[in-house]
């Protein structure tokens, strides 16, 4: 009986140890951001992946299909573009006109939301996406609420009325903490600090000359284009000196580009092809 008890205890210990190892492996697989080794000293760095207009290389950009796919791929943040329809509703589109990505032509903001949502916003990308619609902001917020998705809002308009409309929709869904407000001026940063104080802010700077200006305005993340860093690699250090996080805009995330981006040790990467960037970062991690 004593021997049997010892055997039982040993079996229990082995089972618990195996379970802990298996659970740790699952956590590593499903972690919400990539951890890769970078720098000469092999320091681990947490990098958040931002899906530009959703998974725009795999689905028609700025549609629910693109956003869902980005989330499936494991993107940490989904970036969307916001305009106001002629009847005062917020909708998602990148261009000022409908010509490139829908079945209509003309200035997008001259259409009502109902008119916009009658358009085909998917067949330009592929026949299998025929009938995909231009989403309203509220539709995207409803999806983001259900899936606990963090959104980066690229504000294509300015002014207090626009800011109030954006903040009102966000507050209606109670997910202020899951919003990153992409501002395009220090004044806009101030407006949204008042309206959405619990949301993070990211500066879509028009020039690297404004790094310190946006940092002083209290913006949390500063965006740099990779081409700016090609011209002046010290810009990354300027961002870090402000104590703000650094986001770098990439394109397709292929291996050479990913290596270059990671050499600047960014906190966030905005990318068109989420799956490709993740493959590249995995390759970099494996080669360290």
Foldseek 3Di string as FASTA:
>chain_A
DVVVVVVVVVVVVVVVVVVVVVVVVVCQVQPLFDWFFDDPVRDTATEAEEAEQALVVVFQGVFPVRNVVNVVLRHQEYEFEWDAACVGFIWTDDDQWPPQFWPDTDGRNPHHPVVQQVIFRGPSPPVVRGNTGTGTPLVVLVVCLVVVHAYEYDYPDDDLSVLLNVLVSNVVSPPLLSYEYEDADLVRLVSCCVSRVNHAYEYPYPDLVCLVVNLVSVHAEYEDEVVVCVVPVCSLVVNVVSVHFYEYEDEAQAQVRLNSVCNSPGRYYYYNRSNRNVVNSVVNRVVD
